[in-house]
Amino acid sequence: MLINKTEQVDPADRQLFPFLLTLENGMSFDGQFDTDPDKIVVARMLWQLLRNRRASGWAGLKPNFTFSQLHRAVAETANLIVDDILDAMCEGEQLSAANYSILVALDGMQFLPGFDSPTDKTSLFYKTIRKLCQLTTRDDGPLTIAAMAATVQLGVEFALADSPQKRHYVMLPLVDKVCRNGKAVFNFTGNEVLQLLQSDMGGHGRALEALEDACNDQTLENIDLLKDAVIRNLMDRYPKAVPADFEPILKAALSGQWLKPEAKIGNFDPEKLQLVRLEYNSDRSQRRIRLPYIWILLGVTRKDALPDLAKWSLDGYNEICRGPDAGGLAFEDFCARFRVLKSLCWPPDATVRLSDLHHGAILQPKALRNVKVVNRHLKNAQAKQRMATNCRDFLFGKPRREQPAQKRRVQATLADGKMVDLQDTNDQCSYVFLNAGGAPAADFAVLLQLDGQQGFLTECGQCKQGTAKVDLQNIQDERAKSCDENDFLLIICTDGKQIDQSDLPHMTGIVQQEQWQQYFGPYAGRAFQAFRSSQRQ
């Protein structure tokens, strides 16, 4: 058997031959030919090795032979095993086991018989796993690395419960670039709405495939048609991806809630949710859920979705297209509206740690987790005049920094223009107040009641956009103009500022570019677009 030189990758001391095999994309499982693990692996190894011989034919196969023809030929060849392929490769490449290694990666394992009964040792699914494991554990032959992939709806621990082998878990990176034959699939440079749509897939491979299919079928000029096509594609492939009652799942994700492996979210087993990502702590004793924004969009666009769920979409694509922000407050407004969503993650009047309310931010001190407040389901309000945000003078007018706060409260309105009654303390604790432009205080603020009737503090949000200076002196100045000593200041930056916890004063937190994904979660793309809008005045 003659085999041409294969594609090689040269590590430090040996050649690596990667075999990237699949049971999808034209090489689907066929029970007539894929009768045992060797047949499955050999046919697909040969198809890769013979990529440069297909045009001229090979071993009785006519020129331009197909995978189906090779598949049949392998199936009809008696006693052909993986070792035969490796022996032939060694002869053709003039290799010895000491100077080369192989990577065998098999994708699409969910299509093998027995996938739904992973502990059945007689199934082809189990036998194939065992075969690949045997390649990696035997004493003779080359150094072998085996990888298997499957779209699963059950826990890995359960699927491999009967396996005695030691396991190390690796969190796969999110897909940040999609290529076909070395070329980028998406080229949305200069189109912020399409860039947002791509980021809304959350780096999830299957969601990006749905976007690719939608781009092939729809014009890119109509974002609504394109978005609807992505939703249809995903609903066709994952009809049960998002349950009708999806709020408990979304709240758990947005709050960064850690769960024990056996814990459910409402009535749902996190292991069986689709289009989501489970993140484990170092010893896998706890986990939390990560969602792409497209998952939320699938939920709010369900035919049976309640109208009240629309609030979770936060900003649609048409809102992103609104154009320049005349007041330059789009980012501050977004952060205030995001804070309202965070308040909905816990029941009203529940005791919540301040550190949980701001999961993902860098906080000083760490003991901030022991500061507990009474949660309120907040609403957004717009201050009509510049207001003080420190607890002692909260909501009093403050037109200039060098002047003390006035002893009269500012006016504030809701989105519908209705005035807010600010005389009652309970009402004061029920809103996120967006300050008037140029106020010598925080950009937005919330009055929080401490747990156990221990008084109040204000949570002050300050947005630092672009190259705005942020250092210890600047942060101390922000606290001086916005906070009392025990108030909490959160600084939200659109750039990386290289600020560590040790750089922060007491009762201060910061969200930098590096923390955006953890802090904003599925809404990170919208936060970025709000910042971009603020820059287009």
Protein backbone atom coordinates (compact mmCIF):
# COMPACT_ATOMS: atom_id res chain seq x y z
CA MET A 1 0.00 0.00 0.00
CA LEU A 2 1.46 3.36 -1.01
CA ILE A 3 0.52 6.45 0.95
CA ASN A 4 1.63 9.98 0.15
CA LYS A 5 3.18 12.30 2.68
CA THR A 6 0.54 13.51 5.12
CA GLU A 7 0.11 16.93 6.66
CA GLN A 8 2.59 17.19 9.53
CA VAL A 9 2.95 19.32 12.62
CA ASP A 10 6.39 19.28 14.24
CA PRO A 11 6.45 19.46 18.05
CA ALA A 12 9.74 19.61 19.86
CA ASP A 13 10.97 16.07 19.31
CA ARG A 14 8.53 14.15 17.12
CA GLN A 15 6.17 14.50 14.19
CA LEU A 16 2.48 14.73 15.00
CA PHE A 17 -0.06 13.26 12.58
CA PRO A 18 -3.56 14.55 13.37
CA PHE A 19 -6.53 12.45 12.24
CA LEU A 20 -9.65 14.62 12.47
CA LEU A 21 -12.47 12.16 11.94
CA THR A 22 -16.22 12.68 11.97
CA LEU A 23 -19.51 10.85 11.79
CA GLU A 24 -21.14 13.91 10.20
CA ASN A 25 -20.74 16.12 7.13
CA GLY A 26 -20.79 13.49 4.38
CA MET A 27 -19.22 10.76 6.50
CA SER A 28 -22.31 9.81 8.49
CA PHE A 29 -22.58 6.58 10.41
CA ASP A 30 -23.84 3.73 8.20
CA GLY A 31 -24.75 0.52 9.99
CA GLN A 32 -24.16 -1.48 6.80
CA PHE A 33 -20.47 -0.55 6.71
CA ASP A 34 -19.62 0.70 10.23
CA THR A 35 -19.99 -2.67 11.89
CA ASP A 36 -17.19 -2.36 14.48
CA PRO A 37 -14.86 0.32 15.87
CA ASP A 38 -12.01 -0.57 13.53
CA LYS A 39 -14.20 -0.17 10.44
CA ILE A 40 -15.43 3.19 11.74
CA VAL A 41 -11.96 4.58 12.37
CA VAL A 42 -10.10 2.98 9.45
CA ALA A 43 -12.45 4.27 6.74
CA ARG A 44 -12.17 7.83 7.97
CA MET A 45 -8.41 7.67 8.55
CA LEU A 46 -7.94 6.46 4.97
CA TRP A 47 -10.20 9.17 3.60
CA GLN A 48 -7.94 11.79 5.20
CA LEU A 49 -4.69 10.09 4.21
CA LEU A 50 -5.77 9.70 0.60
CA ARG A 51 -6.81 13.29 0.06
CA ASN A 52 -4.14 13.73 -2.63
CA ARG A 53 -4.83 10.38 -4.33
CA ARG A 54 -8.56 10.70 -4.92
CA ALA A 55 -8.24 12.29 -8.35
CA SER A 56 -6.10 9.44 -9.71
CA GLY A 57 -7.82 6.55 -7.97
CA TRP A 58 -6.38 4.07 -5.50
CA ALA A 59 -6.33 0.31 -4.84
CA GLY A 60 -9.00 -0.52 -7.39
CA LEU A 61 -11.12 2.56 -6.74
CA LYS A 62 -11.71 4.69 -9.83
CA PRO A 63 -10.50 8.30 -10.10
CA ASN A 64 -12.50 10.83 -8.08
CA PHE A 65 -13.87 8.11 -5.84
CA THR A 66 -16.27 9.16 -3.10
CA PHE A 67 -16.26 8.45 0.61
CA SER A 68 -19.19 6.08 0.11
CA GLN A 69 -17.13 4.01 -2.33
CA LEU A 70 -14.13 3.93 0.03
CA HIS A 71 -16.49 3.16 2.91
CA ARG A 72 -17.83 0.09 1.10
CA ALA A 73 -14.34 -1.08 0.12
CA VAL A 74 -13.12 -0.92 3.73
CA ALA A 75 -16.20 -2.78 4.95
CA GLU A 76 -15.63 -5.56 2.40
CA THR A 77 -11.96 -5.99 3.36
CA ALA A 78 -11.67 -8.67 6.01
CA ASN A 79 -9.62 -8.19 9.18
CA LEU A 80 -8.62 -4.59 8.41
CA ILE A 81 -7.75 -2.82 11.68
CA VAL A 82 -6.26 0.50 12.78
CA ASP A 83 -2.81 -1.06 13.25
CA ASP A 84 -2.72 -1.91 9.53
CA ILE A 85 -3.11 1.77 8.71
CA LEU A 86 -0.40 2.78 11.17
CA ASP A 87 1.99 0.11 9.84
CA ALA A 88 1.43 1.29 6.26
CA MET A 89 1.92 4.91 7.31
CA CYS A 90 5.22 4.05 9.04
CA GLU A 91 6.43 2.34 5.88
CA GLY A 92 5.39 5.18 3.61
CA GLU A 93 6.75 7.89 5.89
CA GLN A 94 9.80 5.90 7.04
CA LEU A 95 8.83 6.29 10.67
CA SER A 96 9.44 4.43 13.89
CA ALA A 97 7.19 4.51 16.93
CA ALA A 98 9.82 6.56 18.76
CA ASN A 99 9.78 9.53 16.40
CA TYR A 100 6.11 10.19 15.72
CA SER A 101 2.79 10.53 17.50
CA ILE A 102 -0.81 10.59 16.36
CA LEU A 103 -3.94 12.45 17.37
CA VAL A 104 -7.19 10.60 16.68
CA ALA A 105 -10.23 12.86 17.16
CA LEU A 106 -13.67 11.42 16.42
CA ASP A 107 -16.62 13.82 16.30
CA GLY A 108 -20.33 13.01 16.17
CA MET A 109 -20.28 10.13 18.66
CA GLN A 110 -23.95 10.78 19.40
CA PHE A 111 -24.86 9.05 16.13
CA LEU A 112 -23.49 5.69 17.23
CA PRO A 113 -25.91 2.97 18.39
CA GLY A 114 -25.93 2.82 22.17
CA PHE A 115 -25.33 6.52 22.74
CA ASP A 116 -28.57 6.74 24.73
CA SER A 117 -27.45 3.80 26.92
CA PRO A 118 -23.83 4.75 27.64
CA THR A 119 -23.30 2.06 30.28
CA ASP A 120 -24.21 -0.79 27.89
CA LYS A 121 -20.82 -2.39 27.29
CA THR A 122 -22.11 -4.37 24.30
CA SER A 123 -23.08 -1.27 22.32
CA LEU A 124 -21.06 0.10 19.41
CA PHE A 125 -20.86 3.44 21.20
CA TYR A 126 -19.18 1.88 24.24
CA LYS A 127 -16.92 -0.35 22.11
CA THR A 128 -15.72 2.64 20.09
CA ILE A 129 -14.83 4.55 23.24
CA ARG A 130 -12.97 1.49 24.50
CA LYS A 131 -11.10 1.10 21.20
CA LEU A 132 -9.84 4.67 21.24
CA CYS A 133 -8.85 4.35 24.89
CA GLN A 134 -6.90 1.18 24.11
CA LEU A 135 -4.94 3.05 21.45
CA THR A 136 -3.79 5.51 24.09
CA THR A 137 -2.95 3.04 26.87
CA ARG A 138 -1.08 0.27 25.09
CA ASP A 139 2.66 -0.11 25.59
CA ASP A 140 3.68 -0.51 21.94
CA GLY A 141 3.10 1.79 18.99
CA PRO A 142 3.35 5.58 18.78
CA LEU A 143 2.34 8.06 21.42
CA THR A 144 -1.40 8.40 20.82
CA ILE A 145 -3.79 11.13 21.87
CA ALA A 146 -7.47 10.32 21.46
CA ALA A 147 -10.35 12.79 21.56
CA MET A 148 -14.06 12.11 21.26
CA ALA A 149 -16.87 14.63 20.87
CA ALA A 150 -20.64 14.35 21.04
CA THR A 151 -23.59 16.67 21.40
CA VAL A 152 -24.85 15.42 24.74
CA GLN A 153 -27.86 15.97 26.94
CA LEU A 154 -26.60 14.03 29.94
CA GLY A 155 -23.81 14.52 32.43
CA VAL A 156 -20.30 13.37 31.61
CA GLU A 157 -20.01 11.81 35.06
CA PHE A 158 -23.11 9.70 34.38
CA ALA A 159 -22.04 8.73 30.88
CA LEU A 160 -18.62 7.55 32.06
CA ALA A 161 -19.70 6.24 35.46
CA ASP A 162 -18.43 2.71 34.75
CA SER A 163 -15.04 3.83 33.44
CA PRO A 164 -12.16 3.32 35.92
CA GLN A 165 -9.85 5.69 34.05
CA LYS A 166 -8.71 8.89 35.69
CA ARG A 167 -10.31 11.95 34.13
CA HIS A 168 -9.18 15.55 33.76
CA TYR A 169 -11.77 18.08 32.66
CA VAL A 170 -10.86 20.80 30.20
CA MET A 171 -13.15 23.76 29.53
CA LEU A 172 -13.27 24.23 25.78
CA PRO A 173 -12.68 27.80 24.61
CA LEU A 174 -15.47 29.75 23.00
CA VAL A 175 -15.35 30.01 19.22
CA ASP A 176 -14.08 33.50 18.41
CA LYS A 177 -13.33 32.97 14.71
CA VAL A 178 -15.18 30.81 12.21
CA CYS A 179 -13.34 29.64 9.09
CA ARG A 180 -14.07 27.36 6.14
CA ASN A 181 -11.03 26.17 4.21
CA GLY A 182 -8.94 28.83 5.90
CA LYS A 183 -11.27 31.72 5.03
CA ALA A 184 -13.36 33.69 7.51
CA VAL A 185 -17.05 32.81 7.26
CA PHE A 186 -18.27 36.14 8.64
CA ASN A 187 -16.97 39.49 7.46
CA PHE A 188 -19.11 42.05 9.26
CA THR A 189 -16.42 44.72 9.55
CA GLY A 190 -18.01 48.15 9.76
CA ASN A 191 -21.52 46.80 10.40
CA GLU A 192 -22.11 47.11 14.13
CA VAL A 193 -25.52 45.44 14.09
CA LEU A 194 -24.22 42.32 12.31
CA GLN A 195 -21.20 42.25 14.61
CA LEU A 196 -23.61 42.32 17.55
CA LEU A 197 -25.66 39.49 16.04
CA GLN A 198 -22.51 37.38 15.71
CA SER A 199 -21.45 38.13 19.30
CA ASP A 200 -24.96 37.17 20.45
CA MET A 201 -24.18 33.58 19.46
CA GLY A 202 -21.89 33.60 22.50
CA GLY A 203 -19.11 31.65 20.79
CA HIS A 204 -21.41 28.59 20.64
CA GLY A 205 -20.47 26.49 17.60
CA ARG A 206 -24.00 25.29 16.82
CA ALA A 207 -25.42 28.80 17.10
CA LEU A 208 -22.73 30.11 14.76
CA GLU A 209 -23.62 27.38 12.27
CA ALA A 210 -27.23 28.56 12.41
CA LEU A 211 -26.06 32.12 11.72
CA GLU A 212 -23.95 30.92 8.79
CA ASP A 213 -26.94 29.12 7.26
CA ALA A 214 -29.11 32.21 7.76
CA CYS A 215 -26.53 34.42 6.03
CA ASN A 216 -26.54 32.05 3.06
CA ASP A 217 -30.34 32.22 2.80
CA GLN A 218 -31.11 35.85 3.66
CA THR A 219 -29.99 39.31 2.64
CA LEU A 220 -27.66 40.89 5.16
CA GLU A 221 -29.36 44.27 4.76
CA ASN A 222 -32.46 43.27 6.73
CA ILE A 223 -31.50 42.49 10.31
CA ASP A 224 -35.03 41.41 11.27
CA LEU A 225 -35.21 38.77 8.52
CA LEU A 226 -31.70 37.56 9.36
CA LYS A 227 -32.43 37.36 13.09
CA ASP A 228 -35.69 35.50 12.44
CA ALA A 229 -33.86 33.03 10.18
CA VAL A 230 -31.30 32.30 12.92
CA ILE A 231 -34.11 31.71 15.41
CA ARG A 232 -35.91 29.36 13.00
CA ASN A 233 -32.74 27.41 12.32
CA LEU A 234 -32.04 26.95 16.02
CA MET A 235 -35.63 26.09 16.88
CA ASP A 236 -35.64 23.45 14.12
CA ARG A 237 -32.47 21.88 15.53
CA TYR A 238 -33.18 22.46 19.23
CA PRO A 239 -36.98 22.63 19.63
CA LYS A 240 -36.66 22.14 23.40
CA ALA A 241 -33.65 24.39 23.92
CA VAL A 242 -35.51 27.06 25.88
CA PRO A 243 -38.49 26.10 28.07
CA ALA A 244 -41.53 28.36 28.35
CA ASP A 245 -40.67 29.11 31.98
CA PHE A 246 -37.07 30.11 31.34
CA GLU A 247 -36.80 32.90 33.92
CA PRO A 248 -35.33 30.74 36.74
CA ILE A 249 -32.54 29.61 34.41
CA LEU A 250 -31.80 33.13 33.21
CA LYS A 251 -31.80 34.49 36.76
CA ALA A 252 -29.38 31.79 37.91
CA ALA A 253 -27.04 32.62 35.03
CA LEU A 254 -27.21 36.39 35.42
CA SER A 255 -26.63 36.24 39.17
CA GLY A 256 -23.62 33.91 38.80
CA GLN A 257 -25.25 31.51 41.24
CA TRP A 258 -23.09 28.50 42.18
CA LEU A 259 -24.99 25.21 42.30
CA LYS A 260 -24.11 21.78 43.59
CA PRO A 261 -23.79 19.20 40.76
CA GLU A 262 -27.02 17.46 41.73
CA ALA A 263 -29.01 20.69 42.16
CA LYS A 264 -31.73 21.66 39.72
CA ILE A 265 -32.77 25.12 38.60
CA GLY A 266 -36.49 25.15 39.21
CA ASN A 267 -37.63 21.92 37.58
CA PHE A 268 -34.71 21.77 35.15
CA ASP A 269 -31.56 19.66 35.19
CA PRO A 270 -28.75 21.97 33.96
CA GLU A 271 -27.02 18.99 32.30
CA LYS A 272 -29.97 18.56 29.93
CA LEU A 273 -30.26 22.18 28.84
CA GLN A 274 -29.21 22.95 25.28
CA LEU A 275 -27.18 25.86 23.90
CA VAL A 276 -25.78 26.62 27.36
CA ARG A 277 -22.38 26.26 28.98
CA LEU A 278 -21.66 24.84 32.43
CA GLU A 279 -18.69 26.28 34.30
CA TYR A 280 -17.24 24.28 37.21
CA ASN A 281 -15.07 25.36 40.11
CA SER A 282 -11.60 23.83 40.49
CA ASP A 283 -12.68 20.67 42.34
CA ARG A 284 -15.98 20.34 40.41
CA SER A 285 -17.97 20.53 43.62
CA GLN A 286 -20.03 23.43 42.25
CA ARG A 287 -21.06 24.75 38.89
CA ARG A 288 -22.84 27.69 37.35
CA ILE A 289 -24.53 28.27 34.03
CA ARG A 290 -23.53 30.56 31.16
CA LEU A 291 -25.98 31.61 28.46
CA PRO A 292 -25.48 33.23 25.05
CA TYR A 293 -27.81 36.12 24.27
CA ILE A 294 -29.41 34.11 21.45
CA TRP A 295 -30.75 31.74 24.13
CA ILE A 296 -32.65 34.66 25.70
CA LEU A 297 -33.92 35.70 22.29
CA LEU A 298 -35.24 32.20 21.66
CA GLY A 299 -37.13 32.42 24.95
CA VAL A 300 -38.76 35.82 24.48
CA THR A 301 -39.83 35.03 20.90
CA ARG A 302 -41.59 31.77 21.72
CA LYS A 303 -45.20 31.77 20.59
CA ASP A 304 -46.32 31.03 24.14
CA ALA A 305 -43.98 33.58 25.77
CA LEU A 306 -45.68 35.96 28.19
CA PRO A 307 -45.42 39.67 27.23
CA ASP A 308 -43.69 40.46 30.53
CA LEU A 309 -40.68 38.36 29.48
CA ALA A 310 -39.77 40.87 26.77
CA LYS A 311 -37.89 42.95 29.38
CA TRP A 312 -35.10 40.36 29.35
CA SER A 313 -34.17 41.23 25.77
CA LEU A 314 -33.00 44.63 27.15
CA ASP A 315 -32.18 46.12 23.72
CA GLY A 316 -33.29 44.78 20.36
CA TYR A 317 -31.40 45.25 17.12
CA ASN A 318 -33.58 48.13 16.00
CA GLU A 319 -32.66 50.03 19.18
CA ILE A 320 -29.01 49.57 18.28
CA CYS A 321 -29.74 51.18 14.89
CA ARG A 322 -31.09 54.38 16.42
CA GLY A 323 -27.99 56.33 15.47
CA PRO A 324 -25.95 58.90 17.43
CA ASP A 325 -26.74 59.53 21.09
CA ALA A 326 -27.40 63.25 21.36
CA GLY A 327 -26.78 63.41 25.11
CA GLY A 328 -23.83 61.04 25.19
CA LEU A 329 -25.47 59.09 28.03
CA ALA A 330 -26.25 55.83 26.21
CA PHE A 331 -23.70 53.81 28.18
CA GLU A 332 -24.75 55.22 31.56
CA ASP A 333 -28.39 54.55 30.64
CA PHE A 334 -27.56 50.98 29.65
CA CYS A 335 -25.71 50.28 32.91
CA ALA A 336 -28.66 51.64 34.90
CA ARG A 337 -31.13 49.46 32.98
CA PHE A 338 -28.86 46.44 33.40
CA ARG A 339 -28.87 47.06 37.16
CA VAL A 340 -32.68 46.81 37.06
CA LEU A 341 -32.42 43.37 35.44
CA LYS A 342 -29.95 42.25 38.10
CA SER A 343 -32.45 43.19 40.81
CA LEU A 344 -34.99 40.81 39.26
CA CYS A 345 -32.71 37.80 39.85
CA TRP A 346 -33.76 37.59 43.51
CA PRO A 347 -37.21 37.78 45.12
CA PRO A 348 -38.36 41.16 46.48
CA ASP A 349 -37.34 41.74 50.11
CA ALA A 350 -34.81 38.87 49.92
CA THR A 351 -31.50 39.33 51.73
CA VAL A 352 -28.71 39.54 49.13
CA ARG A 353 -24.98 40.02 49.48
CA LEU A 354 -23.74 43.14 47.74
CA SER A 355 -21.00 41.00 46.21
CA ASP A 356 -23.65 38.77 44.60
CA LEU A 357 -25.45 41.77 43.15
CA HIS A 358 -22.18 42.69 41.46
CA HIS A 359 -20.88 39.25 40.58
CA GLY A 360 -18.00 39.56 38.12
CA ALA A 361 -16.66 42.88 39.41
CA ILE A 362 -13.39 43.27 41.32
CA LEU A 363 -14.42 44.28 44.84
CA GLN A 364 -12.56 45.80 47.81
CA PRO A 365 -12.60 44.52 50.44
CA LYS A 366 -13.29 40.86 49.98
CA ALA A 367 -15.35 41.16 53.14
CA LEU A 368 -17.83 43.10 51.01
CA ARG A 369 -19.54 39.75 50.57
CA ASN A 370 -20.69 40.13 54.16
CA VAL A 371 -22.52 43.38 53.40
CA LYS A 372 -26.13 42.28 53.02
CA VAL A 373 -28.96 44.40 51.68
CA VAL A 374 -32.69 44.05 51.13
CA ASN A 375 -33.38 43.38 47.47
CA ARG A 376 -36.02 45.43 45.66
CA HIS A 377 -37.33 44.89 42.15
CA LEU A 378 -36.14 48.19 40.77
CA LYS A 379 -37.40 50.52 38.07
CA ASN A 380 -35.51 53.12 36.06
CA ALA A 381 -35.99 56.80 36.77
CA GLN A 382 -34.39 59.88 35.23
CA ALA A 383 -33.41 62.78 37.47
CA LYS A 384 -34.47 66.07 35.89
CA GLN A 385 -31.80 68.07 37.74
CA ARG A 386 -28.32 67.29 38.96
CA MET A 387 -28.59 65.37 42.20
CA ALA A 388 -26.39 64.26 45.08
CA THR A 389 -25.82 60.51 45.31
CA ASN A 390 -24.23 60.14 48.75
CA CYS A 391 -26.56 58.56 51.31
CA ARG A 392 -26.80 61.61 53.59
CA ASP A 393 -27.91 63.93 50.77
CA PHE A 394 -29.47 61.37 48.43
CA LEU A 395 -31.75 62.92 45.80
CA PHE A 396 -31.10 66.50 46.96
CA GLY A 397 -30.12 68.92 44.25
CA LYS A 398 -26.39 69.40 43.68
CA PRO A 399 -25.70 71.62 40.65
CA ARG A 400 -22.02 72.28 41.49
CA ARG A 401 -19.35 70.29 43.29
CA GLU A 402 -18.03 73.20 45.33
CA GLN A 403 -21.46 73.93 46.76
CA PRO A 404 -23.23 71.85 49.41
CA ALA A 405 -26.26 69.85 48.41
CA GLN A 406 -29.52 71.77 48.39
CA LYS A 407 -32.18 70.88 50.93
CA ARG A 408 -34.81 70.11 48.35
CA ARG A 409 -35.20 66.98 46.33
CA VAL A 410 -34.86 66.91 42.57
CA GLN A 411 -37.66 65.77 40.31
CA ALA A 412 -37.47 62.41 38.55
CA THR A 413 -39.57 60.78 35.87
CA LEU A 414 -40.23 57.27 34.62
CA ALA A 415 -39.91 56.21 31.00
CA ASP A 416 -43.56 57.09 30.38
CA GLY A 417 -43.06 60.61 31.72
CA LYS A 418 -44.83 60.09 35.05
CA MET A 419 -43.34 61.86 38.04
CA VAL A 420 -41.82 59.77 40.85
CA ASP A 421 -42.91 60.44 44.44
CA LEU A 422 -39.64 60.87 46.29
CA GLN A 423 -40.99 61.76 49.72
CA ASP A 424 -41.30 58.17 50.93
CA THR A 425 -38.09 56.26 51.76
CA ASN A 426 -39.58 53.04 50.43
CA ASP A 427 -40.11 54.73 47.07
CA GLN A 428 -36.58 56.09 47.12
CA CYS A 429 -35.29 52.50 47.43
CA SER A 430 -37.36 51.32 44.47
CA TYR A 431 -35.52 53.03 41.61
CA VAL A 432 -32.21 53.25 39.84
CA PHE A 433 -31.81 56.99 39.34
CA LEU A 434 -29.91 58.12 36.25
CA ASN A 435 -28.36 61.46 37.10
CA ALA A 436 -28.65 64.53 34.92
CA GLY A 437 -25.71 65.17 32.60
CA GLY A 438 -22.67 66.84 34.13
CA ALA A 439 -23.71 66.19 37.72
CA PRO A 440 -20.83 66.41 40.25
CA ALA A 441 -21.81 63.01 41.64
CA ALA A 442 -22.35 59.44 40.41
CA ASP A 443 -23.81 58.76 36.96
CA PHE A 444 -26.52 56.57 38.50
CA ALA A 445 -27.39 55.51 42.03
CA VAL A 446 -29.58 53.21 44.12
CA LEU A 447 -30.54 53.67 47.76
CA LEU A 448 -30.12 50.30 49.51
CA GLN A 449 -31.55 49.24 52.84
CA LEU A 450 -29.14 47.21 54.94
CA ASP A 451 -30.37 43.88 56.22
CA GLY A 452 -31.72 43.80 59.74
CA GLN A 453 -32.91 47.42 59.87
CA GLN A 454 -29.30 48.61 60.16
CA GLY A 455 -29.79 51.72 58.07
CA PHE A 456 -29.08 52.62 54.46
CA LEU A 457 -26.23 53.09 52.01
CA THR A 458 -26.13 54.20 48.41
CA GLU A 459 -24.73 52.21 45.54
CA CYS A 460 -23.12 54.71 43.19
CA GLY A 461 -22.30 53.83 39.59
CA GLN A 462 -19.64 55.79 37.72
CA CYS A 463 -18.93 55.09 34.03
CA LYS A 464 -15.44 55.67 32.64
CA GLN A 465 -15.48 55.52 28.86
CA GLY A 466 -12.63 55.18 26.39
CA THR A 467 -9.29 56.51 27.57
CA ALA A 468 -10.70 58.28 30.65
CA LYS A 469 -8.07 58.26 33.37
CA VAL A 470 -8.57 55.76 36.19
CA ASP A 471 -6.02 55.46 39.00
CA LEU A 472 -6.10 55.51 42.80
CA GLN A 473 -6.24 59.30 43.00
CA ASN A 474 -9.02 59.45 40.42
CA ILE A 475 -11.02 56.76 42.24
CA GLN A 476 -10.62 58.59 45.56
CA ASP A 477 -11.85 61.79 43.89
CA GLU A 478 -14.88 59.94 42.55
CA ARG A 479 -15.68 58.64 46.03
CA ALA A 480 -15.32 62.12 47.52
CA LYS A 481 -17.85 63.67 45.14
CA SER A 482 -20.30 60.72 45.00
CA CYS A 483 -20.24 58.81 48.29
CA ASP A 484 -20.28 58.94 52.05
CA GLU A 485 -17.68 56.82 53.84
CA ASN A 486 -19.75 53.62 53.90
CA ASP A 487 -21.43 53.99 50.52
CA PHE A 488 -20.47 51.62 47.73
CA LEU A 489 -18.88 52.94 44.53
CA LEU A 490 -18.82 50.82 41.36
CA ILE A 491 -16.67 52.07 38.50
CA ILE A 492 -17.49 50.61 35.08
CA CYS A 493 -14.75 51.05 32.48
CA THR A 494 -14.94 50.36 28.76
CA ASP A 495 -11.17 49.81 28.51
CA GLY A 496 -8.67 47.76 30.45
CA LYS A 497 -7.17 49.90 33.23
CA GLN A 498 -4.91 47.33 34.93
CA ILE A 499 -6.56 48.02 38.29
CA ASP A 500 -6.18 45.24 40.88
CA GLN A 501 -8.13 44.70 44.07
CA SER A 502 -5.24 46.10 46.11
CA ASP A 503 -5.53 49.39 44.17
CA LEU A 504 -9.12 49.99 45.28
CA PRO A 505 -10.25 51.99 48.32
CA HIS A 506 -12.64 50.52 50.90
CA MET A 507 -16.22 49.80 49.65
CA THR A 508 -15.25 50.16 45.99
CA GLY A 509 -15.58 47.88 42.98
CA ILE A 510 -14.49 48.07 39.37
CA VAL A 511 -15.53 46.43 36.12
CA GLN A 512 -12.86 46.68 33.43
CA GLN A 513 -12.87 45.33 29.91
CA GLU A 514 -11.42 42.05 31.20
CA GLN A 515 -14.43 41.60 33.53
CA TRP A 516 -17.18 42.44 31.02
CA GLN A 517 -18.08 38.87 30.13
CA GLN A 518 -18.31 37.88 33.79
CA TYR A 519 -20.20 41.01 34.83
CA PHE A 520 -22.58 41.64 31.93
CA GLY A 521 -22.84 37.99 30.89
CA PRO A 522 -25.06 37.55 27.80
CA TYR A 523 -25.54 41.33 27.62
CA ALA A 524 -21.84 42.15 27.13
CA GLY A 525 -22.33 42.77 23.41
CA ARG A 526 -25.13 45.23 24.14
CA ALA A 527 -23.01 47.03 26.71
CA PHE A 528 -20.32 47.50 24.07
CA GLN A 529 -22.81 48.83 21.53
CA ALA A 530 -24.17 51.28 24.12
CA PHE A 531 -20.62 52.54 24.63
CA ARG A 532 -20.15 52.88 20.86
CA SER A 533 -23.41 54.84 20.67
CA SER A 534 -22.20 57.22 23.38
CA GLN A 535 -19.16 57.99 21.22
CA ARG A 536 -21.29 58.94 18.19
CA GLN A 537 -22.63 62.25 19.44
